[in-house]
């Protein structure tokens, strides 16, 4: 049962991200060009939350309420900080892109390491049985 719960906690953020992407992709609405940088930063923050959710699921620490609130607050905060930076003449957009990109690649490297470790364990167990 724990394995099923662990697998479900990995798929919740992935399916939510894919559902949101296809909903926006298939809609007729377009984002005005002056708002595009803020929406793209919000999307990057959302992708960071999805990667963090997958990582938490693999580690057995995923909680859907923490994921959902983190997703929404991070996206709104990133877009809001970029907007405020534009208003005062400070380019916070690039700093936010750098930090969020760093976090995404860190989470992806840890996810990759988890799956490679699992593969290595499965191979060593198969050798023991043979």
C-alpha atoms as a PDB file:
ATOM      1  CA  UNK A   1       0.000   0.000   0.000  1.00  0.00           C
ATOM      2  CA  UNK A   2       2.876   2.373   0.788  1.00  0.00           C
ATOM      3  CA  UNK A   3       4.340   1.821  -2.687  1.00  0.00           C
ATOM      4  CA  UNK A   4       0.991   2.755  -4.254  1.00  0.00           C
ATOM      5  CA  UNK A   5       0.759   5.900  -2.141  1.00  0.00           C
ATOM      6  CA  UNK A   6       4.348   6.807  -3.085  1.00  0.00           C
ATOM      7  CA  UNK A   7       3.609   6.338  -6.804  1.00  0.00           C
ATOM      8  CA  UNK A   8       0.411   8.393  -6.563  1.00  0.00           C
ATOM      9  CA  UNK A   9       2.257  11.209  -4.832  1.00  0.00           C
ATOM     10  CA  UNK A  10       4.690  11.362  -7.732  1.00  0.00           C
ATOM     11  CA  UNK A  11       1.952  11.497 -10.366  1.00  0.00           C
ATOM     12  CA  UNK A  12      -0.138  14.231  -8.731  1.00  0.00           C
ATOM     13  CA  UNK A  13       2.312  17.068  -9.507  1.00  0.00           C
ATOM     14  CA  UNK A  14       3.185  15.680 -12.941  1.00  0.00           C
ATOM     15  CA  UNK A  15      -0.434  15.246 -14.017  1.00  0.00           C
ATOM     16  CA  UNK A  16      -1.352  18.654 -12.602  1.00  0.00           C
ATOM     17  CA  UNK A  17       1.447  20.322 -14.554  1.00  0.00           C
ATOM     18  CA  UNK A  18       0.543  18.531 -17.774  1.00  0.00           C
ATOM     19  CA  UNK A  19      -3.146  19.331 -17.298  1.00  0.00           C
ATOM     20  CA  UNK A  20      -2.397  23.001 -16.749  1.00  0.00           C
ATOM     21  CA  UNK A  21      -0.094  23.128 -19.759  1.00  0.00           C
ATOM     22  CA  UNK A  22      -2.613  21.565 -22.119  1.00  0.00           C
ATOM     23  CA  UNK A  23      -5.451  23.683 -20.740  1.00  0.00           C
ATOM     24  CA  UNK A  24      -3.537  26.860 -21.524  1.00  0.00           C
ATOM     25  CA  UNK A  25      -2.211  25.488 -24.824  1.00  0.00           C
ATOM     26  CA  UNK A  26      -5.668  24.554 -26.111  1.00  0.00           C
ATOM     27  CA  UNK A  27      -7.428  27.714 -24.938  1.00  0.00           C
ATOM     28  CA  UNK A  28      -8.193  30.632 -27.233  1.00  0.00           C
ATOM     29  CA  UNK A  29      -6.845  33.177 -24.758  1.00  0.00           C
ATOM     30  CA  UNK A  30      -3.482  34.798 -25.389  1.00  0.00           C
ATOM     31  CA  UNK A  31      -1.399  36.640 -22.831  1.00  0.00           C
ATOM     32  CA  UNK A  32      -0.764  40.312 -23.618  1.00  0.00           C
ATOM     33  CA  UNK A  33       2.913  40.946 -24.462  1.00  0.00           C
ATOM     34  CA  UNK A  34       3.437  43.326 -21.545  1.00  0.00           C
ATOM     35  CA  UNK A  35       2.330  40.605 -19.088  1.00  0.00           C
ATOM     36  CA  UNK A  36       4.240  37.748 -20.740  1.00  0.00           C
ATOM     37  CA  UNK A  37       7.410  38.100 -18.616  1.00  0.00           C
ATOM     38  CA  UNK A  38       5.381  37.833 -15.402  1.00  0.00           C
ATOM     39  CA  UNK A  39       3.389  34.856 -16.597  1.00  0.00           C
ATOM     40  CA  UNK A  40       6.533  33.106 -17.809  1.00  0.00           C
ATOM     41  CA  UNK A  41       8.162  33.654 -14.427  1.00  0.00           C
ATOM     42  CA  UNK A  42       5.050  32.337 -12.706  1.00  0.00           C
ATOM     43  CA  UNK A  43       5.167  29.274 -14.976  1.00  0.00           C
ATOM     44  CA  UNK A  44       8.838  28.753 -14.118  1.00  0.00           C
ATOM     45  CA  UNK A  45       7.983  28.932 -10.407  1.00  0.00           C
ATOM     46  CA  UNK A  46       5.203  26.408 -11.033  1.00  0.00           C
ATOM     47  CA  UNK A  47       7.636  24.081 -12.793  1.00  0.00           C
ATOM     48  CA  UNK A  48       9.947  24.419  -9.799  1.00  0.00           C
ATOM     49  CA  UNK A  49       7.085  23.395  -7.509  1.00  0.00           C
ATOM     50  CA  UNK A  50       6.272  20.406  -9.735  1.00  0.00           C
ATOM     51  CA  UNK A  51       9.884  19.208  -9.660  1.00  0.00           C
ATOM     52  CA  UNK A  52       9.942  19.703  -5.898  1.00  0.00           C
ATOM     53  CA  UNK A  53       6.689  17.762  -5.580  1.00  0.00           C
ATOM     54  CA  UNK A  54       8.052  14.847  -7.578  1.00  0.00           C
ATOM     55  CA  UNK A  55      11.202  14.864  -5.470  1.00  0.00           C
ATOM     56  CA  UNK A  56       9.156  14.934  -2.257  1.00  0.00           C
ATOM     57  CA  UNK A  57       7.053  12.042  -3.568  1.00  0.00           C
ATOM     58  CA  UNK A  58      10.135   9.969  -4.256  1.00  0.00           C
ATOM     59  CA  UNK A  59      11.452  10.713  -0.776  1.00  0.00           C
ATOM     60  CA  UNK A  60       8.091   9.795   0.775  1.00  0.00           C
ATOM     61  CA  UNK A  61       7.534  13.336   2.089  1.00  0.00           C
ATOM     62  CA  UNK A  62       4.827  14.541  -0.320  1.00  0.00           C
ATOM     63  CA  UNK A  63       1.773  16.334   1.099  1.00  0.00           C
ATOM     64  CA  UNK A  64      -0.804  17.574  -1.378  1.00  0.00           C
ATOM     65  CA  UNK A  65      -1.771  20.630   0.677  1.00  0.00           C
ATOM     66  CA  UNK A  66       1.854  21.764   0.962  1.00  0.00           C
ATOM     67  CA  UNK A  67       2.363  21.179  -2.768  1.00  0.00           C
ATOM     68  CA  UNK A  68      -0.736  23.119  -3.810  1.00  0.00           C
ATOM     69  CA  UNK A  69      -0.095  26.103  -1.542  1.00  0.00           C
ATOM     70  CA  UNK A  70       3.587  26.150  -2.478  1.00  0.00           C
ATOM     71  CA  UNK A  71       2.713  26.020  -6.172  1.00  0.00           C
ATOM     72  CA  UNK A  72       0.297  28.945  -5.972  1.00  0.00           C
ATOM     73  CA  UNK A  73       2.287  31.108  -3.566  1.00  0.00           C
ATOM     74  CA  UNK A  74       5.599  30.589  -5.378  1.00  0.00           C
ATOM     75  CA  UNK A  75       4.070  31.448  -8.757  1.00  0.00           C
ATOM     76  CA  UNK A  76       2.341  34.555  -7.439  1.00  0.00           C
ATOM     77  CA  UNK A  77       5.366  35.671  -5.436  1.00  0.00           C
ATOM     78  CA  UNK A  78       7.766  35.262  -8.368  1.00  0.00           C
ATOM     79  CA  UNK A  79       5.516  37.204 -10.734  1.00  0.00           C
ATOM     80  CA  UNK A  80       4.824  39.844  -8.068  1.00  0.00           C
ATOM     81  CA  UNK A  81       8.505  40.350  -7.271  1.00  0.00           C
ATOM     82  CA  UNK A  82       9.314  40.750 -10.957  1.00  0.00           C
ATOM     83  CA  UNK A  83       6.510  43.300 -11.294  1.00  0.00           C
ATOM     84  CA  UNK A  84       7.686  45.252  -8.257  1.00  0.00           C
ATOM     85  CA  UNK A  85      11.255  45.145  -9.542  1.00  0.00           C
ATOM     86  CA  UNK A  86      10.100  46.625 -12.847  1.00  0.00           C
ATOM     87  CA  UNK A  87       8.208  49.357 -11.033  1.00  0.00           C
ATOM     88  CA  UNK A  88      11.271  50.456  -9.030  1.00  0.00           C
ATOM     89  CA  UNK A  89      13.775  49.916 -11.854  1.00  0.00           C
ATOM     90  CA  UNK A  90      15.545  46.833 -10.473  1.00  0.00           C
ATOM     91  CA  UNK A  91      15.799  43.792 -12.725  1.00  0.00           C
ATOM     92  CA  UNK A  92      14.582  41.124 -10.285  1.00  0.00           C
ATOM     93  CA  UNK A  93      13.292  39.052 -13.198  1.00  0.00           C
ATOM     94  CA  UNK A  94      16.757  37.747 -14.072  1.00  0.00           C
ATOM     95  CA  UNK A  95      17.583  36.968 -10.451  1.00  0.00           C
ATOM     96  CA  UNK A  96      14.348  35.007 -10.090  1.00  0.00           C
ATOM     97  CA  UNK A  97      14.999  33.091 -13.323  1.00  0.00           C
ATOM     98  CA  UNK A  98      18.490  32.210 -12.101  1.00  0.00           C
ATOM     99  CA  UNK A  99      17.318  30.999  -8.695  1.00  0.00           C
ATOM    100  CA  UNK A 100      14.332  29.062 -10.022  1.00  0.00           C
ATOM    101  CA  UNK A 101      16.431  27.517 -12.781  1.00  0.00           C
ATOM    102  CA  UNK A 102      19.008  26.461 -10.208  1.00  0.00           C
ATOM    103  CA  UNK A 103      16.319  24.844  -8.050  1.00  0.00           C
ATOM    104  CA  UNK A 104      14.762  23.033 -11.012  1.00  0.00           C
ATOM    105  CA  UNK A 105      18.088  21.572 -12.120  1.00  0.00           C
ATOM    106  CA  UNK A 106      18.947  20.595  -8.541  1.00  0.00           C
ATOM    107  CA  UNK A 107      15.627  18.791  -8.116  1.00  0.00           C
ATOM    108  CA  UNK A 108      15.993  17.102 -11.512  1.00  0.00           C
ATOM    109  CA  UNK A 109      19.485  15.899 -10.643  1.00  0.00           C
ATOM    110  CA  UNK A 110      18.223  14.432  -7.357  1.00  0.00           C
ATOM    111  CA  UNK A 111      15.304  12.755  -9.149  1.00  0.00           C
ATOM    112  CA  UNK A 112      17.710  11.310 -11.718  1.00  0.00           C
ATOM    113  CA  UNK A 113      20.025  10.101  -8.951  1.00  0.00           C
ATOM    114  CA  UNK A 114      17.092   8.396  -7.198  1.00  0.00           C
ATOM    115  CA  UNK A 115      16.089   6.475 -10.325  1.00  0.00           C
ATOM    116  CA  UNK A 116      19.680   5.507 -11.147  1.00  0.00           C
ATOM    117  CA  UNK A 117      20.170   4.246  -7.584  1.00  0.00           C
ATOM    118  CA  UNK A 118      16.957   2.213  -7.834  1.00  0.00           C
ATOM    119  CA  UNK A 119      18.133   0.755 -11.154  1.00  0.00           C
ATOM    120  CA  UNK A 120      21.495  -0.156  -9.658  1.00  0.00           C
ATOM    121  CA  UNK A 121      19.805  -1.836  -6.671  1.00  0.00           C
ATOM    122  CA  UNK A 122      17.521  -3.819  -8.983  1.00  0.00           C
ATOM    123  CA  UNK A 123      20.508  -4.985 -11.057  1.00  0.00           C
ATOM    124  CA  UNK A 124      22.448  -6.068  -7.949  1.00  0.00           C
ATOM    125  CA  UNK A 125      19.421  -8.004  -6.664  1.00  0.00           C
ATOM    126  CA  UNK A 126      19.014  -9.686 -10.059  1.00  0.00           C
ATOM    127  CA  UNK A 127      22.676 -10.762  -9.940  1.00  0.00           C
ATOM    128  CA  UNK A 128      22.190 -12.237  -6.453  1.00  0.00           C
ATOM    129  CA  UNK A 129      19.198 -14.279  -7.636  1.00  0.00           C
ATOM    130  CA  UNK A 130      21.029 -15.575 -10.707  1.00  0.00           C
END
